[in-house]
Amino acid sequence: MPFFKAVVWTGPNRVEVQERPVPDPGPGEVLLRIRSAGICGTDLHILSGTHPQARPPLVLGHEFAGEVCGIGEGVDPGLKSTRVGADSYRGCGQCTYCRAGSRQLCDKGTCEFGVNIDGGWEEYLVVPAENLYRIPDKVSFTEAGAGCILNCPMAAVEMVRINAGDLVLIIGDGPSSLIMVQLARLKGASRIVVSGHRERRLALALELGADQAVNTHEKLLADGLGELKGYITVVIDAVGSSQTLGETLRLAGKRARVHLFGLPEGPLQDLPMDEFLWKELALTGSTGAPSLWPVAMEYLKRGLLKVEPIISHRFSIEQPQQAVDFIRSNSRDIVKAVFEMPE
């Protein structure tokens, strides 16, 4: 029986390489040979033990892409050898939300690769064929495998409805924010401001289409906004803390659209809900949108969305603990890191 390598989270900030037998896909499933898997901020939450749904031992990785190398019963044989990515949510397939293509809201409970079932930090993985999206020839496994920094920002931008002429503020300088900058520009935003404290990411935000980057370690965000303060029409909180959401509500203009994108590590408290009421704000949240994967691939194919400049570090799954330790100790230099598998 052939075996493969899997990176297993075994406890707080500990991962190790284990060997496992290559599985067979069941009905409606395919076996992927993983070629690239993203290392996301959510993975760091899980590794530290702060994610409410994740428990060790677990193979992390909800962002991954590869080649179809095995076909289960009832699956189109033409998928064999196809270059694909896979949506990370696995639904029941029967409830109202799953039938509508929103399996991230499955009535049977959220089930996600790399969060509460084994994910893509391994050489082989069985996934439902319905989760697959094809990767265009001009798009690399690494770009497509960046995963949720493509789909989740797209879901957020669609949910908050960025329109031509909007004044957009994105709080947080993570990789997803850098994608949202590009999407907001494609939607016709008249001005895009990004806030954060990591110089490399803020400089990249400007290169990718932001009009202004505010370093919150050097000045208050409200001061950095200057004459825009009070006129922001869309604010996205890409951090997800009580402090940042409170600031989001205070800085939003009247009847602005506010979006919670960042993953909170606990209950959000002491929020200025009077701002929400008196300014007649609209508040939305999102996780992902499986239906948008083909759109993301088309954007990448046409060069309308750039992922490669965001990928700053590449690691081998042979030494995962060194990769995790490096990322944690070099947070100012890391933008987006990925695991790349051998040919």
Protein backbone atom coordinates (compact mmCIF):
# COMPACT_ATOMS: atom_id res chain seq x y z
CA MET A 1 0.00 0.00 0.00
CA PRO A 2 1.49 3.39 -1.00
CA PHE A 3 1.96 6.03 1.71
CA PHE A 4 2.14 9.82 1.62
CA LYS A 5 3.31 12.65 3.90
CA ALA A 6 0.87 14.74 5.93
CA VAL A 7 1.56 17.73 8.17
CA VAL A 8 -0.38 17.08 11.38
CA TRP A 9 -1.18 19.65 14.07
CA THR A 10 -0.61 17.78 17.33
CA GLY A 11 -1.02 20.56 19.92
CA PRO A 12 -0.48 24.28 20.56
CA ASN A 13 2.00 25.53 17.92
CA ARG A 14 3.24 21.99 17.21
CA VAL A 15 3.15 20.22 13.84
CA GLU A 16 4.87 17.08 12.62
CA VAL A 17 5.15 15.04 9.43
CA GLN A 18 3.33 11.71 9.52
CA GLU A 19 2.97 9.00 6.90
CA ARG A 20 -0.50 7.80 5.96
CA PRO A 21 -1.88 5.35 3.39
CA VAL A 22 -3.16 6.89 0.16
CA PRO A 23 -7.00 6.75 0.36
CA ASP A 24 -9.47 5.76 -2.33
CA PRO A 25 -12.18 8.24 -3.35
CA GLY A 26 -15.76 7.24 -2.63
CA PRO A 27 -18.88 7.88 -4.71
CA GLY A 28 -18.98 11.48 -5.90
CA GLU A 29 -15.40 12.10 -4.78
CA VAL A 30 -11.97 12.53 -6.34
CA LEU A 31 -8.45 12.01 -5.07
CA LEU A 32 -6.25 15.08 -5.41
CA ARG A 33 -2.50 15.10 -5.56
CA ILE A 34 -1.87 18.38 -3.76
CA ARG A 35 0.66 20.67 -5.43
CA SER A 36 0.31 23.84 -3.36
CA ALA A 37 -1.38 24.71 -0.07
CA GLY A 38 -1.71 28.13 1.51
CA ILE A 39 -0.75 29.07 5.07
CA CYS A 40 -3.50 31.39 6.26
CA GLY A 41 -3.99 33.61 9.27
CA THR A 42 -6.79 31.25 10.28
CA ASP A 43 -4.23 28.43 10.35
CA LEU A 44 -2.20 30.43 12.86
CA HIS A 45 -5.32 30.84 15.03
CA ILE A 46 -5.82 27.07 14.88
CA LEU A 47 -2.17 26.33 15.64
CA SER A 48 -2.32 28.49 18.76
CA GLY A 49 -5.44 26.65 19.94
CA THR A 50 -7.77 29.67 19.78
CA HIS A 51 -10.12 28.50 17.01
CA PRO A 52 -13.41 27.27 18.51
CA GLN A 53 -13.99 24.46 16.00
CA ALA A 54 -10.51 22.97 15.55
CA ARG A 55 -9.12 20.15 17.68
CA PRO A 56 -5.82 18.23 17.32
CA PRO A 57 -4.75 15.94 15.81
CA LEU A 58 -5.67 17.57 12.51
CA VAL A 59 -4.18 18.15 9.08
CA LEU A 60 -4.55 21.90 8.54
CA GLY A 61 -4.94 23.69 5.20
CA HIS A 62 -8.21 25.07 3.84
CA GLU A 63 -6.42 26.54 0.78
CA PHE A 64 -5.08 24.04 -1.75
CA ALA A 65 -4.81 23.11 -5.41
CA GLY A 66 -3.54 20.10 -7.32
CA GLU A 67 -4.23 17.43 -9.93
CA VAL A 68 -7.06 14.89 -10.02
CA CYS A 69 -5.39 11.48 -9.83
CA GLY A 70 -8.32 9.28 -8.79
CA ILE A 71 -12.01 9.16 -9.65
CA GLY A 72 -14.83 7.81 -7.50
CA GLU A 73 -18.07 6.21 -8.66
CA GLY A 74 -20.39 8.59 -10.49
CA VAL A 75 -17.70 11.18 -11.23
CA ASP A 76 -16.92 12.34 -14.78
CA PRO A 77 -13.85 10.35 -15.94
CA GLY A 78 -12.80 13.41 -17.94
CA LEU A 79 -11.69 15.03 -14.68
CA LYS A 80 -8.70 12.68 -14.47
CA SER A 81 -5.40 14.62 -14.65
CA THR A 82 -7.24 17.97 -14.53
CA ARG A 83 -5.61 20.92 -12.72
CA VAL A 84 -8.06 22.04 -10.05
CA GLY A 85 -8.58 23.88 -6.83
CA ALA A 86 -11.27 22.94 -4.31
CA ASP A 87 -13.65 24.96 -2.19
CA SER A 88 -12.93 24.25 1.46
CA TYR A 89 -16.51 23.78 2.69
CA ARG A 90 -18.08 20.33 2.64
CA GLY A 91 -21.88 20.35 2.93
CA CYS A 92 -24.56 17.73 3.30
CA GLY A 93 -25.73 18.29 -0.29
CA GLN A 94 -29.39 18.05 0.75
CA CYS A 95 -30.36 21.14 2.75
CA THR A 96 -31.72 24.37 1.27
CA TYR A 97 -28.36 26.15 1.49
CA CYS A 98 -26.34 23.33 -0.07
CA ARG A 99 -28.80 22.99 -2.94
CA ALA A 100 -28.50 26.75 -3.51
CA GLY A 101 -24.70 26.48 -3.75
CA SER A 102 -24.03 27.99 -0.30
CA ARG A 103 -22.61 24.94 1.47
CA GLN A 104 -20.70 27.23 3.85
CA LEU A 105 -24.11 27.72 5.52
CA CYS A 106 -25.06 24.01 5.58
CA ASP A 107 -27.93 23.29 7.96
CA LYS A 108 -26.17 20.13 9.19
CA GLY A 109 -23.29 22.26 10.51
CA THR A 110 -20.20 23.85 9.03
CA CYS A 111 -17.68 21.26 7.88
CA GLU A 112 -14.44 22.67 6.49
CA PHE A 113 -11.22 21.09 5.27
CA GLY A 114 -8.35 22.05 7.53
CA VAL A 115 -10.64 23.32 10.29
CA ASN A 116 -12.70 20.39 11.54
CA ILE A 117 -11.75 17.74 8.97
CA ASP A 118 -8.30 17.01 7.54
CA GLY A 119 -7.18 19.55 4.95
CA GLY A 120 -4.58 20.26 2.30
CA TRP A 121 -1.26 20.27 4.19
CA GLU A 122 -0.61 16.82 2.79
CA GLU A 123 0.34 15.18 -0.48
CA TYR A 124 -3.04 13.53 -1.19
CA LEU A 125 -6.59 14.45 -0.20
CA VAL A 126 -10.07 13.14 -1.06
CA VAL A 127 -12.63 15.88 -1.80
CA PRO A 128 -16.17 15.99 -3.28
CA ALA A 129 -16.11 16.46 -7.04
CA GLU A 130 -18.71 19.23 -6.67
CA ASN A 131 -16.14 21.32 -4.76
CA LEU A 132 -13.72 21.48 -7.69
CA TYR A 133 -13.00 24.44 -9.91
CA ARG A 134 -10.73 24.23 -12.95
CA ILE A 135 -7.48 26.17 -13.04
CA PRO A 136 -6.81 27.98 -16.35
CA ASP A 137 -3.57 27.09 -18.14
CA LYS A 138 -2.04 30.50 -17.45
CA VAL A 139 -2.68 30.26 -13.70
CA SER A 140 -0.20 28.47 -11.42
CA PHE A 141 -1.05 25.97 -8.69
CA THR A 142 0.39 28.44 -6.18
CA GLU A 143 -1.91 31.26 -7.33
CA ALA A 144 -5.00 29.05 -7.33
CA GLY A 145 -3.94 27.37 -4.09
CA ALA A 146 -3.85 30.72 -2.29
CA GLY A 147 -7.47 29.81 -1.72
CA CYS A 148 -9.41 31.87 0.76
CA ILE A 149 -7.48 35.07 0.08
CA LEU A 150 -9.26 34.89 -3.29
CA ASN A 151 -12.71 33.61 -2.46
CA CYS A 152 -13.31 35.15 0.94
CA PRO A 153 -12.41 38.72 -0.12
CA MET A 154 -14.58 38.31 -3.21
CA ALA A 155 -17.48 37.22 -1.00
CA ALA A 156 -16.92 40.24 1.26
CA VAL A 157 -16.80 42.73 -1.60
CA GLU A 158 -19.98 41.30 -3.12
CA MET A 159 -21.76 41.22 0.25
CA VAL A 160 -20.92 44.83 1.16
CA ARG A 161 -21.70 45.94 -2.41
CA ILE A 162 -18.77 48.16 -3.35
CA ASN A 163 -19.95 50.37 -6.21
CA ALA A 164 -18.45 52.91 -8.58
CA GLY A 165 -17.61 56.11 -6.71
CA ASP A 166 -17.46 54.58 -3.22
CA LEU A 167 -14.92 55.82 -0.66
CA VAL A 168 -13.54 52.58 0.76
CA LEU A 169 -11.62 52.05 4.00
CA ILE A 170 -10.05 48.63 4.67
CA ILE A 171 -8.85 48.17 8.25
CA GLY A 172 -6.04 45.60 8.32
CA ASP A 173 -3.06 44.94 6.04
CA GLY A 174 -3.33 41.15 5.66
CA PRO A 175 -3.16 39.27 2.33
CA SER A 176 -6.96 39.30 2.02
CA SER A 177 -6.95 43.09 2.34
CA LEU A 178 -4.50 43.27 -0.57
CA ILE A 179 -6.95 41.30 -2.69
CA MET A 180 -9.85 43.52 -1.57
CA VAL A 181 -7.88 46.57 -2.69
CA GLN A 182 -7.73 45.14 -6.21
CA LEU A 183 -11.39 44.12 -6.19
CA ALA A 184 -12.49 47.54 -4.96
CA ARG A 185 -10.51 49.12 -7.80
CA LEU A 186 -12.20 46.78 -10.30
CA LYS A 187 -15.59 47.80 -8.87
CA GLY A 188 -14.81 51.47 -9.55
CA ALA A 189 -14.15 52.79 -6.04
CA SER A 190 -13.09 56.43 -6.25
CA ARG A 191 -10.69 56.21 -3.30
CA ILE A 192 -9.27 53.25 -1.35
CA VAL A 193 -7.53 53.62 2.01
CA VAL A 194 -5.78 50.74 3.81
CA SER A 195 -4.64 50.87 7.43
CA GLY A 196 -2.15 48.65 9.21
CA HIS A 197 1.30 48.68 10.74
CA ARG A 198 3.52 46.51 8.51
CA GLU A 199 5.46 48.64 6.06
CA ARG A 200 5.99 45.89 3.49
CA ARG A 201 2.28 45.17 3.24
CA LEU A 202 1.27 48.82 3.18
CA ALA A 203 3.73 49.50 0.36
CA LEU A 204 2.31 46.53 -1.53
CA ALA A 205 -1.22 47.87 -1.02
CA LEU A 206 -0.22 51.06 -2.80
CA GLU A 207 1.37 49.09 -5.65
CA LEU A 208 -1.81 47.05 -6.07
CA GLY A 209 -4.18 50.00 -6.30
CA ALA A 210 -4.74 51.68 -2.93
CA ASP A 211 -4.70 55.47 -2.95
CA GLN A 212 -3.50 55.83 0.62
CA ALA A 213 -1.91 53.62 3.28
CA VAL A 214 -2.04 54.70 6.93
CA ASN A 215 0.52 53.24 9.34
CA THR A 216 -1.39 53.09 12.62
CA HIS A 217 1.87 52.76 14.59
CA GLU A 218 2.77 56.25 13.42
CA LYS A 219 -0.57 58.10 13.54
CA LEU A 220 -4.18 57.63 14.51
CA LEU A 221 -6.29 56.31 11.66
CA ALA A 222 -8.81 59.13 12.14
CA ASP A 223 -6.01 61.67 11.69
CA GLY A 224 -4.71 59.82 8.63
CA LEU A 225 -8.11 60.04 6.95
CA GLY A 226 -8.07 63.83 7.11
CA GLU A 227 -10.87 65.39 5.06
CA LEU A 228 -12.30 61.94 4.23
CA LYS A 229 -13.38 61.46 7.84
CA GLY A 230 -17.15 61.35 7.99
CA TYR A 231 -17.57 60.61 4.28
CA ILE A 232 -16.41 56.98 4.03
CA THR A 233 -19.17 54.97 2.33
CA VAL A 234 -17.73 51.44 2.80
CA VAL A 235 -15.64 50.20 5.73
CA ILE A 236 -14.30 46.63 5.92
CA ASP A 237 -12.91 45.42 9.24
CA ALA A 238 -10.37 42.80 8.15
CA VAL A 239 -9.00 42.36 11.69
CA GLY A 240 -12.06 41.39 13.70
CA SER A 241 -11.31 42.71 17.18
CA SER A 242 -13.51 44.75 19.51
CA GLN A 243 -11.16 47.69 19.02
CA THR A 244 -11.15 47.60 15.21
CA LEU A 245 -14.89 47.05 14.85
CA GLY A 246 -15.51 49.92 17.26
CA GLU A 247 -13.23 52.10 15.17
CA THR A 248 -15.01 50.89 12.04
CA LEU A 249 -18.37 52.08 13.39
CA ARG A 250 -16.94 55.45 14.47
CA LEU A 251 -15.21 56.20 11.17
CA ALA A 252 -18.03 55.12 8.86
CA GLY A 253 -19.97 57.92 7.24
CA LYS A 254 -23.75 58.30 7.45
CA ARG A 255 -25.59 55.37 5.87
CA ALA A 256 -22.26 53.69 5.17
CA ARG A 257 -21.99 49.95 4.58
CA VAL A 258 -19.88 48.19 7.20
CA HIS A 259 -18.50 44.67 6.80
CA LEU A 260 -17.01 42.36 9.43
CA PHE A 261 -14.42 40.19 7.67
CA GLY A 262 -11.70 39.42 10.23
CA LEU A 263 -12.12 36.34 12.42
CA PRO A 264 -12.81 37.36 16.05
CA GLU A 265 -10.99 35.29 18.67
CA GLY A 266 -13.84 35.80 21.12
CA PRO A 267 -17.02 37.83 21.77
CA LEU A 268 -16.86 41.44 20.58
CA GLN A 269 -17.49 43.83 23.43
CA ASP A 270 -17.99 47.52 24.27
CA LEU A 271 -19.05 48.43 20.72
CA PRO A 272 -20.42 51.96 20.10
CA MET A 273 -23.79 50.78 18.84
CA ASP A 274 -25.14 54.31 19.12
CA GLU A 275 -22.97 55.08 16.07
CA PHE A 276 -24.66 52.20 14.27
CA LEU A 277 -28.10 53.55 15.13
CA TRP A 278 -27.72 57.31 14.63
CA LYS A 279 -25.74 57.05 11.40
CA GLU A 280 -28.15 54.40 10.02
CA LEU A 281 -25.32 52.03 9.15
CA ALA A 282 -25.74 48.67 7.39
CA LEU A 283 -23.69 45.81 8.87
CA THR A 284 -22.87 42.59 7.01
CA GLY A 285 -20.55 39.63 7.46
CA SER A 286 -19.34 36.79 5.22
CA THR A 287 -17.28 33.62 5.18
CA GLY A 288 -17.02 32.55 1.55
CA ALA A 289 -18.94 32.11 -1.68
CA PRO A 290 -18.33 28.86 -3.61
CA SER A 291 -20.12 30.22 -6.69
CA LEU A 292 -17.40 32.88 -7.15
CA TRP A 293 -14.48 30.50 -7.80
CA PRO A 294 -14.91 30.57 -11.61
CA VAL A 295 -14.94 34.39 -11.46
CA ALA A 296 -11.71 34.37 -9.44
CA MET A 297 -10.03 32.09 -11.97
CA GLU A 298 -11.16 34.33 -14.83
CA TYR A 299 -9.73 37.40 -13.06
CA LEU A 300 -6.40 35.59 -12.61
CA LYS A 301 -6.38 34.39 -16.21
CA ARG A 302 -6.93 37.93 -17.53
CA GLY A 303 -4.41 39.48 -15.17
CA LEU A 304 -7.09 41.57 -13.46
CA LEU A 305 -6.22 40.11 -10.05
CA LYS A 306 -2.62 39.63 -8.93
CA VAL A 307 -1.68 37.00 -6.35
CA GLU A 308 2.00 36.32 -7.09
CA PRO A 309 3.21 39.67 -5.65
CA ILE A 310 1.45 38.78 -2.39
CA ILE A 311 3.18 35.40 -2.02
CA SER A 312 6.36 36.25 -0.15
CA HIS A 313 7.54 32.88 1.19
CA ARG A 314 7.41 29.26 0.00
CA PHE A 315 8.11 26.25 2.21
CA SER A 316 8.46 22.50 1.86
CA ILE A 317 6.16 20.20 3.83
CA GLU A 318 9.27 18.23 4.79
CA GLN A 319 10.03 20.78 7.54
CA PRO A 320 6.68 22.20 8.67
CA GLN A 321 7.69 23.11 12.22
CA GLN A 322 10.53 25.27 10.91
CA ALA A 323 8.06 26.96 8.54
CA VAL A 324 5.55 27.69 11.32
CA ASP A 325 8.24 28.96 13.68
CA PHE A 326 9.68 31.20 10.95
CA ILE A 327 6.28 32.70 10.16
CA ARG A 328 5.54 33.43 13.81
CA SER A 329 8.93 35.08 14.40
CA ASN A 330 8.95 37.11 11.17
CA SER A 331 5.44 38.53 11.03
CA ARG A 332 6.63 41.91 9.73
CA ASP A 333 8.29 40.35 6.67
CA ILE A 334 5.75 37.65 5.83
CA VAL A 335 2.92 38.65 3.49
CA LYS A 336 1.56 35.31 2.30
CA ALA A 337 3.26 31.93 2.76
CA VAL A 338 2.52 28.61 1.04
CA PHE A 339 3.59 24.99 1.14
CA GLU A 340 4.69 23.70 -2.25
CA MET A 341 4.80 19.94 -2.88
CA PRO A 342 7.54 18.18 -4.88
CA GLU A 343 6.88 17.20 -8.49
